[in-house]
Amino acid sequence: MNKNNRKEKKDNLNILKFIGPGLLVTVGFIDPGNWASNIAAGSGYGYTLLWMVTLSTIMLIILQHNAAHLGIVTGLCLSEAASRYINRTLKNVILVTAVAAAIATAMAEILGGAIALQMLFHIPIKVGSMLILVVVLFCEFTNAYKRIEKLIMLFVSLIGFCFLIEICMVKIDWGAAATGWVKPVFPSHAMPVIMSVLGAVVMPHNLFLHSEIIQSRKWNLKEEAVIQRQLKFEFKDTLFSMIIGWAINSAMILMAAATFYQRGENQVDDLTTAGNMLTPLLGNEATVIFAIALLLAGLSSSITAGMAGGTIFSGIFNKPYDIATKETRQGVLITMVPAALIILLIRSPFQGLIYSQMLLAVQLPITIFTQIYLTSSKKVMGKYANSTGLKMVLWAIAIVVTALNIGLFVTGF
């Protein structure tokens, strides 16, 4: 009995030890681009686009677990594995588009932080973007982020959970919400918003980042029993983290629908206005609290976007992420500097956030097909290659995402 208790306690400790990569990825669920997409969906279309959150989260759980699976078994991140097992020319095309997706992500995160600075201190967005860029690069190159990571994740998570609490304080049509979660609807002119929600949830750079975080722990160097155990624990970590993300995403859309759509107001096109959603819970200081949370979300997600860019670019040279190496530093700079410069050309910050997330969805099929090829290959994964059933599920996801992209281009932006 005591021996069994010790084993159970040890397993629980192992689970706690392994939880983290999924939660770090979940920060992306409440980044500025995500806020903009969810608020646009709820304020413009009510509860009708909740299904995309459900579908995207289901796909995300499967894809993130599959990416982590690659890292655990091979000790390689998605980018390194592509460089090692895919034709050089094709590999370069794949990873260059992935870097472009990381740039689009970083642009949204920096822009969100700049909007927060404007709300708090009336700093022009273009100036604020440069300030955010400097802070992010300092954190990236000095590893200062590790010292404040837990604080930022805690604060931003608390704001996310404010949305969960607040849905109990406003009048929500739960019948319409229940239908919206499971019934696909394509309102007129809604494809850009639908795709932005998809791109904000299933973010290509997070697939690369998750596999990198996992592979850095070098579980593949352990005995087979350890690999089997970590595969099990990792799935629990991913499932737990992604369900939290689904709840927060849904809460944002519910609040936007109840606060704006049900009152007959126009679709929100300004994050400052969106801060008013927190007023019932946080009082008249809601806008300030919202802006602080947005700033921290922008900073934390900008740093993870830079890490993803560094991971992908290093992988082009078949090297892991290491901020001390030239390739990783170049990758971070190639991701962050163009992202900040693009903001100087944007006229509508809110639309910039929406379309950046949409572009992530456009790149997503390339990353998914690459991941399927690698994780299904016995040459790469050995006996841990995808089963026939899992391959069918992954191919179904790839087809759905591709079909949605075709729909976007057919209906127009």
Protein backbone atom coordinates (compact mmCIF):
# COMPACT_ATOMS: atom_id res chain seq x y z
CA MET A 1 0.00 0.00 0.00
CA ASN A 2 2.75 2.43 0.96
CA LYS A 3 4.67 1.46 -2.15
CA ASN A 4 1.62 2.16 -4.33
CA ASN A 5 1.07 5.49 -2.59
CA ARG A 6 4.69 6.46 -3.21
CA LYS A 7 4.34 5.51 -6.88
CA GLU A 8 1.12 7.55 -7.22
CA LYS A 9 2.76 10.53 -5.49
CA LYS A 10 5.78 10.23 -7.77
CA ASP A 11 3.54 10.16 -10.86
CA ASN A 12 1.72 13.26 -9.65
CA LEU A 13 5.01 15.05 -9.15
CA ASN A 14 6.08 13.99 -12.63
CA ILE A 15 2.88 15.45 -14.07
CA LEU A 16 3.51 18.73 -12.26
CA LYS A 17 7.08 18.69 -13.55
CA PHE A 18 5.90 18.20 -17.11
CA ILE A 19 3.10 20.80 -17.01
CA GLY A 20 4.39 24.07 -18.37
CA PRO A 21 4.91 23.88 -22.14
CA GLY A 22 1.16 23.76 -22.68
CA LEU A 23 0.54 26.63 -20.29
CA LEU A 24 3.23 28.72 -21.98
CA VAL A 25 1.52 28.13 -25.32
CA THR A 26 -1.81 29.09 -23.70
CA VAL A 27 -0.46 32.63 -23.21
CA GLY A 28 -1.15 32.90 -26.94
CA PHE A 29 -4.85 32.49 -26.20
CA ILE A 30 -4.99 35.91 -24.60
CA ASP A 31 -2.55 37.81 -26.77
CA PRO A 32 -3.66 41.11 -28.40
CA GLY A 33 -4.44 39.50 -31.75
CA ASN A 34 -6.62 36.95 -30.04
CA TRP A 35 -8.49 39.62 -28.11
CA ALA A 36 -9.16 41.56 -31.31
CA SER A 37 -10.41 38.48 -33.21
CA ASN A 38 -12.73 37.35 -30.44
CA ILE A 39 -14.09 40.83 -29.82
CA ALA A 40 -14.70 41.34 -33.54
CA ALA A 41 -16.49 37.97 -33.71
CA GLY A 42 -18.71 38.60 -30.70
CA SER A 43 -19.53 42.24 -31.36
CA GLY A 44 -20.15 41.75 -35.08
CA TYR A 45 -21.83 38.34 -35.21
CA GLY A 46 -23.07 37.59 -31.71
CA TYR A 47 -22.83 33.93 -30.72
CA THR A 48 -22.77 32.53 -34.25
CA LEU A 49 -18.98 32.14 -34.52
CA LEU A 50 -18.44 30.28 -31.25
CA TRP A 51 -18.27 27.07 -33.27
CA MET A 52 -14.95 28.17 -34.71
CA VAL A 53 -13.50 28.39 -31.19
CA THR A 54 -14.69 24.84 -30.50
CA LEU A 55 -13.42 23.46 -33.81
CA SER A 56 -10.11 25.33 -33.58
CA THR A 57 -9.48 24.13 -30.03
CA ILE A 58 -10.16 20.49 -30.93
CA MET A 59 -7.76 20.77 -33.86
CA LEU A 60 -5.24 22.57 -31.66
CA ILE A 61 -5.22 19.85 -28.99
CA ILE A 62 -4.46 17.22 -31.61
CA LEU A 63 -1.85 19.29 -33.44
CA GLN A 64 -0.03 20.55 -30.34
CA HIS A 65 0.14 17.05 -28.88
CA ASN A 66 1.44 15.74 -32.19
CA ALA A 67 4.12 18.47 -32.33
CA ALA A 68 5.15 17.72 -28.74
CA HIS A 69 5.18 14.02 -29.63
CA LEU A 70 7.83 14.80 -32.26
CA GLY A 71 9.96 16.68 -29.73
CA ILE A 72 9.75 13.97 -27.08
CA VAL A 73 10.58 11.06 -29.39
CA THR A 74 13.25 12.61 -31.64
CA GLY A 75 14.76 15.38 -29.53
CA LEU A 76 14.20 17.68 -32.51
CA CYS A 77 11.88 20.64 -32.88
CA LEU A 78 9.63 20.85 -35.93
CA SER A 79 12.05 23.18 -37.72
CA GLU A 80 15.11 21.00 -37.10
CA ALA A 81 13.24 17.88 -38.18
CA ALA A 82 12.19 19.60 -41.42
CA SER A 83 15.80 20.53 -42.11
CA ARG A 84 17.01 17.02 -41.47
CA TYR A 85 14.36 15.00 -43.30
CA ILE A 86 12.91 17.21 -46.06
CA ASN A 87 14.44 18.23 -49.39
CA ARG A 88 16.50 21.39 -48.93
CA THR A 89 14.61 23.59 -51.39
CA LEU A 90 11.18 22.53 -50.12
CA LYS A 91 12.36 22.83 -46.54
CA ASN A 92 13.51 26.41 -47.13
CA VAL A 93 10.15 27.35 -48.65
CA ILE A 94 8.30 25.83 -45.70
CA LEU A 95 10.43 27.49 -43.04
CA VAL A 96 10.53 30.88 -44.77
CA THR A 97 6.71 30.95 -44.75
CA ALA A 98 6.83 29.92 -41.09
CA VAL A 99 9.15 32.85 -40.33
CA ALA A 100 6.69 35.10 -42.17
CA ALA A 101 3.92 33.76 -39.91
CA ALA A 102 6.09 34.50 -36.86
CA ILE A 103 6.57 38.06 -38.15
CA ALA A 104 2.80 38.47 -38.54
CA THR A 105 2.35 37.19 -35.00
CA ALA A 106 5.02 39.50 -33.60
CA MET A 107 3.45 42.46 -35.42
CA ALA A 108 0.13 41.82 -33.69
CA GLU A 109 1.75 41.41 -30.28
CA ILE A 110 3.89 44.56 -30.57
CA LEU A 111 0.90 46.48 -31.91
CA GLY A 112 -1.24 45.35 -28.98
CA GLY A 113 1.39 46.51 -26.52
CA ALA A 114 1.63 49.86 -28.33
CA ILE A 115 -2.15 50.30 -28.17
CA ALA A 116 -1.92 49.68 -24.42
CA LEU A 117 0.77 52.37 -24.06
CA GLN A 118 -1.46 54.77 -25.95
CA MET A 119 -4.36 53.98 -23.61
CA LEU A 120 -2.22 54.41 -20.50
CA PHE A 121 0.15 57.25 -21.38
CA HIS A 122 -1.17 58.71 -24.67
CA ILE A 123 2.02 57.62 -26.45
CA PRO A 124 1.55 57.51 -30.25
CA ILE A 125 1.24 53.95 -31.50
CA LYS A 126 4.25 54.17 -33.82
CA VAL A 127 6.47 55.45 -30.99
CA GLY A 128 5.02 52.87 -28.61
CA SER A 129 5.81 50.09 -31.07
CA MET A 130 9.49 51.05 -31.07
CA LEU A 131 9.51 51.13 -27.27
CA ILE A 132 7.94 47.66 -27.10
CA LEU A 133 10.50 46.40 -29.64
CA VAL A 134 13.42 47.65 -27.51
CA VAL A 135 12.04 46.08 -24.33
CA VAL A 136 11.33 42.76 -26.04
CA LEU A 137 14.79 42.54 -27.62
CA PHE A 138 16.38 43.35 -24.25
CA CYS A 139 14.42 40.54 -22.61
CA GLU A 140 15.23 38.12 -25.46
CA PHE A 141 18.98 38.74 -25.49
CA THR A 142 19.46 38.92 -21.72
CA ASN A 143 17.00 36.18 -20.74
CA ALA A 144 15.39 38.75 -18.42
CA TYR A 145 12.03 37.37 -19.46
CA LYS A 146 12.59 34.26 -17.35
CA ARG A 147 12.57 36.45 -14.22
CA ILE A 148 9.17 37.99 -14.93
CA GLU A 149 7.54 35.21 -16.95
CA LYS A 150 5.51 33.74 -14.08
CA LEU A 151 4.32 37.18 -12.95
CA ILE A 152 3.18 38.13 -16.45
CA MET A 153 1.46 34.79 -17.02
CA LEU A 154 -0.30 35.10 -13.66
CA PHE A 155 -1.50 38.65 -14.29
CA VAL A 156 -2.65 38.03 -17.84
CA SER A 157 -4.34 34.80 -16.78
CA LEU A 158 -6.22 36.66 -14.05
CA ILE A 159 -7.55 39.11 -16.62
CA GLY A 160 -8.56 36.19 -18.81
CA PHE A 161 -10.43 34.66 -15.92
CA CYS A 162 -12.11 38.02 -15.30
CA PHE A 163 -13.94 37.34 -18.55
CA LEU A 164 -14.99 33.94 -17.22
CA ILE A 165 -16.31 35.49 -14.01
CA GLU A 166 -17.95 38.39 -15.79
CA ILE A 167 -20.13 36.19 -17.98
CA CYS A 168 -22.01 35.38 -14.78
CA MET A 169 -22.72 39.10 -14.28
CA VAL A 170 -24.24 39.95 -17.66
CA LYS A 171 -27.27 38.71 -19.52
CA ILE A 172 -26.18 36.03 -21.97
CA ASP A 173 -28.50 34.08 -24.24
CA TRP A 174 -27.19 30.65 -23.26
CA GLY A 175 -29.48 28.88 -25.70
CA ALA A 176 -28.01 30.81 -28.62
CA ALA A 177 -24.52 30.31 -27.18
CA ALA A 178 -25.00 26.53 -26.91
CA THR A 179 -26.11 26.42 -30.53
CA GLY A 180 -23.25 28.68 -31.59
CA TRP A 181 -20.64 26.38 -30.03
CA VAL A 182 -21.64 23.39 -32.17
CA LYS A 183 -23.43 24.71 -35.28
CA PRO A 184 -21.19 26.00 -38.09
CA VAL A 185 -22.57 29.22 -39.58
CA PHE A 186 -20.95 31.41 -42.23
CA PRO A 187 -22.51 34.89 -42.01
CA SER A 188 -22.12 37.18 -45.00
CA HIS A 189 -18.69 38.87 -45.18
CA ALA A 190 -17.54 37.00 -42.05
CA MET A 191 -14.73 34.88 -43.57
CA PRO A 192 -11.89 37.26 -42.57
CA VAL A 193 -13.10 37.19 -38.96
CA ILE A 194 -13.66 33.41 -39.03
CA MET A 195 -10.14 32.88 -40.34
CA SER A 196 -8.71 35.34 -37.83
CA VAL A 197 -10.27 33.32 -35.00
CA LEU A 198 -8.77 30.15 -36.49
CA GLY A 199 -5.35 31.77 -36.85
CA ALA A 200 -5.53 33.24 -33.36
CA VAL A 201 -6.18 29.80 -31.83
CA VAL A 202 -4.17 27.43 -34.04
CA MET A 203 -1.06 29.58 -34.42
CA PRO A 204 1.65 28.08 -36.68
CA HIS A 205 4.52 29.51 -34.63
CA ASN A 206 3.17 27.80 -31.50
CA LEU A 207 3.53 24.39 -33.14
CA PHE A 208 7.22 25.13 -33.70
CA LEU A 209 7.61 26.65 -30.23
CA HIS A 210 5.90 23.77 -28.41
CA SER A 211 8.10 21.17 -30.09
CA GLU A 212 11.18 23.28 -29.25
CA ILE A 213 10.29 23.62 -25.56
CA ILE A 214 9.64 19.89 -25.36
CA GLN A 215 12.80 18.79 -27.21
CA SER A 216 14.97 21.03 -25.03
CA ARG A 217 14.20 18.67 -22.14
CA LYS A 218 15.86 15.80 -24.03
CA TRP A 219 13.35 13.13 -23.03
CA ASN A 220 14.45 11.12 -26.08
CA LEU A 221 17.77 10.38 -24.36
CA LYS A 222 15.97 8.53 -21.56
CA GLU A 223 14.91 4.90 -21.53
CA GLU A 224 11.74 3.85 -23.34
CA ALA A 225 9.62 3.74 -20.17
CA VAL A 226 10.40 7.42 -19.55
CA ILE A 227 9.40 8.35 -23.11
CA GLN A 228 6.11 6.47 -22.75
CA ARG A 229 5.36 8.19 -19.44
CA GLN A 230 6.17 11.64 -20.76
CA LEU A 231 3.97 11.13 -23.80
CA LYS A 232 1.10 10.43 -21.44
CA PHE A 233 1.83 13.36 -19.14
CA GLU A 234 2.35 15.73 -22.05
CA PHE A 235 -1.10 14.95 -23.43
CA LYS A 236 -2.65 15.76 -20.06
CA ASP A 237 -0.72 19.03 -19.99
CA THR A 238 -1.86 19.93 -23.51
CA LEU A 239 -5.48 18.91 -22.90
CA PHE A 240 -5.69 20.87 -19.63
CA SER A 241 -4.07 23.98 -21.10
CA MET A 242 -6.08 24.01 -24.31
CA ILE A 243 -9.41 23.60 -22.46
CA ILE A 244 -8.51 26.67 -20.40
CA GLY A 245 -7.80 28.47 -23.64
CA TRP A 246 -11.16 27.38 -25.11
CA ALA A 247 -12.98 28.70 -22.04
CA ILE A 248 -11.21 32.09 -22.15
CA ASN A 249 -11.73 32.46 -25.90
CA SER A 250 -15.39 31.61 -25.54
CA ALA A 251 -15.80 34.02 -22.63
CA MET A 252 -14.36 36.87 -24.69
CA ILE A 253 -16.85 36.25 -27.52
CA LEU A 254 -19.73 35.85 -25.06
CA MET A 255 -18.88 39.13 -23.37
CA ALA A 256 -18.53 40.99 -26.66
CA ALA A 257 -21.84 39.56 -27.85
CA ALA A 258 -23.65 40.48 -24.64
CA THR A 259 -22.02 43.90 -24.27
CA PHE A 260 -22.17 45.11 -27.88
CA TYR A 261 -24.10 42.85 -30.27
CA GLN A 262 -27.20 42.31 -28.12
CA ARG A 263 -27.45 46.08 -27.60
CA GLY A 264 -27.53 46.65 -31.35
CA GLU A 265 -24.15 48.41 -31.44
CA ASN A 266 -21.82 48.21 -34.42
CA GLN A 267 -18.90 45.79 -34.63
CA VAL A 268 -16.10 46.99 -32.35
CA ASP A 269 -13.08 48.30 -34.23
CA ASP A 270 -11.12 49.69 -31.30
CA LEU A 271 -9.53 47.85 -28.36
CA THR A 272 -10.07 50.92 -26.17
CA THR A 273 -13.82 50.45 -26.51
CA ALA A 274 -13.39 46.76 -25.76
CA GLY A 275 -11.94 47.67 -22.36
CA ASN A 276 -15.42 48.74 -21.37
CA MET A 277 -16.41 45.05 -21.25
CA LEU A 278 -14.65 44.75 -17.90
CA THR A 279 -16.52 47.68 -16.27
CA PRO A 280 -19.21 45.53 -14.54
CA LEU A 281 -16.50 43.54 -12.75
CA LEU A 282 -13.72 46.07 -12.23
CA GLY A 283 -15.62 49.35 -12.04
CA ASN A 284 -14.61 52.65 -13.59
CA GLU A 285 -10.94 51.67 -13.61
CA ALA A 286 -11.71 48.90 -16.08
CA THR A 287 -10.01 50.65 -18.99
CA VAL A 288 -6.78 51.08 -17.00
CA ILE A 289 -6.80 47.44 -15.85
CA PHE A 290 -7.59 46.33 -19.39
CA ALA A 291 -4.70 48.40 -20.77
CA ILE A 292 -2.23 47.05 -18.21
CA ALA A 293 -3.30 43.49 -19.03
CA LEU A 294 -3.04 44.24 -22.74
CA LEU A 295 0.47 45.65 -22.25
CA LEU A 296 1.64 42.59 -20.33
CA ALA A 297 -0.04 40.29 -22.85
CA GLY A 298 1.67 42.15 -25.68
CA LEU A 299 5.08 41.94 -24.01
CA SER A 300 4.85 38.27 -23.05
CA SER A 301 3.47 37.10 -26.39
CA SER A 302 5.95 39.29 -28.32
CA ILE A 303 8.77 37.51 -26.52
CA THR A 304 7.36 34.06 -27.30
CA ALA A 305 6.87 35.15 -30.94
CA GLY A 306 10.54 36.16 -31.02
CA MET A 307 11.50 32.83 -29.50
CA ALA A 308 9.47 31.03 -32.17
CA GLY A 309 11.12 33.08 -34.91
CA GLY A 310 14.54 32.24 -33.49
CA THR A 311 13.57 28.57 -33.29
CA ILE A 312 12.38 28.41 -36.89
CA PHE A 313 15.34 30.33 -38.32
CA SER A 314 17.86 28.25 -36.35
CA GLY A 315 16.16 25.14 -37.65
CA ILE A 316 16.88 26.23 -41.22
CA PHE A 317 20.54 25.58 -40.30
CA ASN A 318 19.61 22.39 -38.43
CA LYS A 319 20.37 23.96 -35.06
CA PRO A 320 18.25 24.23 -31.88
CA TYR A 321 17.17 27.49 -30.27
CA ASP A 322 20.03 29.01 -28.26
CA ILE A 323 20.12 32.78 -27.78
CA ALA A 324 23.90 32.60 -27.49
CA THR A 325 24.22 31.45 -31.11
CA LYS A 326 24.36 33.67 -34.19
CA GLU A 327 21.51 31.85 -35.95
CA THR A 328 19.07 32.26 -33.08
CA ARG A 329 19.89 35.94 -32.60
CA GLN A 330 19.47 36.55 -36.33
CA GLY A 331 16.14 34.73 -36.23
CA VAL A 332 14.87 36.88 -33.38
CA LEU A 333 15.92 40.08 -35.16
CA ILE A 334 14.48 38.94 -38.52
CA THR A 335 11.18 38.30 -36.74
CA MET A 336 10.91 41.35 -34.48
CA VAL A 337 12.40 44.24 -36.46
CA PRO A 338 10.28 43.82 -39.64
CA ALA A 339 7.20 43.30 -37.45
CA ALA A 340 7.75 46.67 -35.79
CA LEU A 341 8.48 48.39 -39.11
CA ILE A 342 5.25 47.06 -40.65
CA ILE A 343 3.29 48.81 -37.90
CA LEU A 344 4.59 52.15 -39.22
CA LEU A 345 2.59 51.49 -42.41
CA ILE A 346 -0.69 50.43 -40.76
CA ARG A 347 -3.59 52.89 -40.82
CA SER A 348 -6.08 50.95 -38.67
CA PRO A 349 -4.47 49.20 -35.67
CA PHE A 350 -7.54 47.05 -34.96
CA GLN A 351 -7.78 45.87 -38.57
CA GLY A 352 -4.05 45.22 -38.47
CA LEU A 353 -4.60 42.85 -35.58
CA ILE A 354 -7.47 41.06 -37.36
CA TYR A 355 -5.68 40.58 -40.67
CA SER A 356 -2.44 39.46 -39.00
CA GLN A 357 -4.35 36.59 -37.40
CA MET A 358 -6.00 35.80 -40.72
CA LEU A 359 -2.57 35.52 -42.37
CA LEU A 360 -1.59 32.94 -39.75
CA ALA A 361 -4.52 30.81 -40.86
CA VAL A 362 -3.38 31.14 -44.48
CA GLN A 363 0.08 29.76 -43.62
CA LEU A 364 -1.32 27.07 -41.31
CA PRO A 365 -1.90 24.34 -43.96
CA ILE A 366 1.80 24.42 -44.89
CA THR A 367 2.84 23.79 -41.29
CA ILE A 368 0.19 21.11 -40.76
CA PHE A 369 1.12 19.12 -43.90
CA THR A 370 4.80 19.35 -42.91
CA GLN A 371 4.04 18.10 -39.41
CA ILE A 372 1.92 15.22 -40.72
CA TYR A 373 4.72 14.10 -43.02
CA LEU A 374 7.33 14.15 -40.27
CA THR A 375 5.30 12.54 -37.50
CA SER A 376 3.94 9.85 -39.85
CA SER A 377 7.40 8.86 -41.08
CA LYS A 378 8.92 5.77 -39.49
CA LYS A 379 12.30 7.08 -40.61
CA VAL A 380 11.76 10.08 -38.32
CA MET A 381 9.65 8.62 -35.51
CA GLY A 382 10.48 4.91 -35.57
CA LYS A 383 7.80 2.86 -33.85
CA TYR A 384 6.24 6.07 -32.49
CA ALA A 385 5.10 7.16 -35.96
CA ASN A 386 1.45 8.17 -36.26
CA SER A 387 -1.04 5.31 -36.28
CA THR A 388 -3.41 4.91 -39.21
CA GLY A 389 -6.27 6.36 -37.17
CA LEU A 390 -4.26 9.40 -36.09
CA LYS A 391 -3.10 10.01 -39.65
CA MET A 392 -6.72 10.04 -40.78
CA VAL A 393 -7.60 12.59 -38.11
CA LEU A 394 -4.61 14.79 -38.96
CA TRP A 395 -5.42 14.65 -42.68
CA ALA A 396 -9.02 15.59 -41.90
CA ILE A 397 -7.77 18.64 -39.98
CA ALA A 398 -5.48 19.61 -42.85
CA ILE A 399 -8.33 19.31 -45.35
CA VAL A 400 -10.70 21.40 -43.19
CA VAL A 401 -8.12 24.17 -42.74
CA THR A 402 -7.30 24.14 -46.45
CA ALA A 403 -11.00 24.27 -47.37
CA LEU A 404 -11.50 27.27 -45.07
CA ASN A 405 -8.60 29.03 -46.77
CA ILE A 406 -10.09 28.31 -50.19
CA GLY A 407 -13.38 29.73 -48.91
CA LEU A 408 -11.57 32.87 -47.79
CA PHE A 409 -10.06 33.46 -51.22
CA VAL A 410 -13.25 32.57 -53.10
CA THR A 411 -15.45 34.93 -51.05
CA GLY A 412 -12.80 37.64 -50.96
CA PHE A 413 -11.10 39.43 -48.09
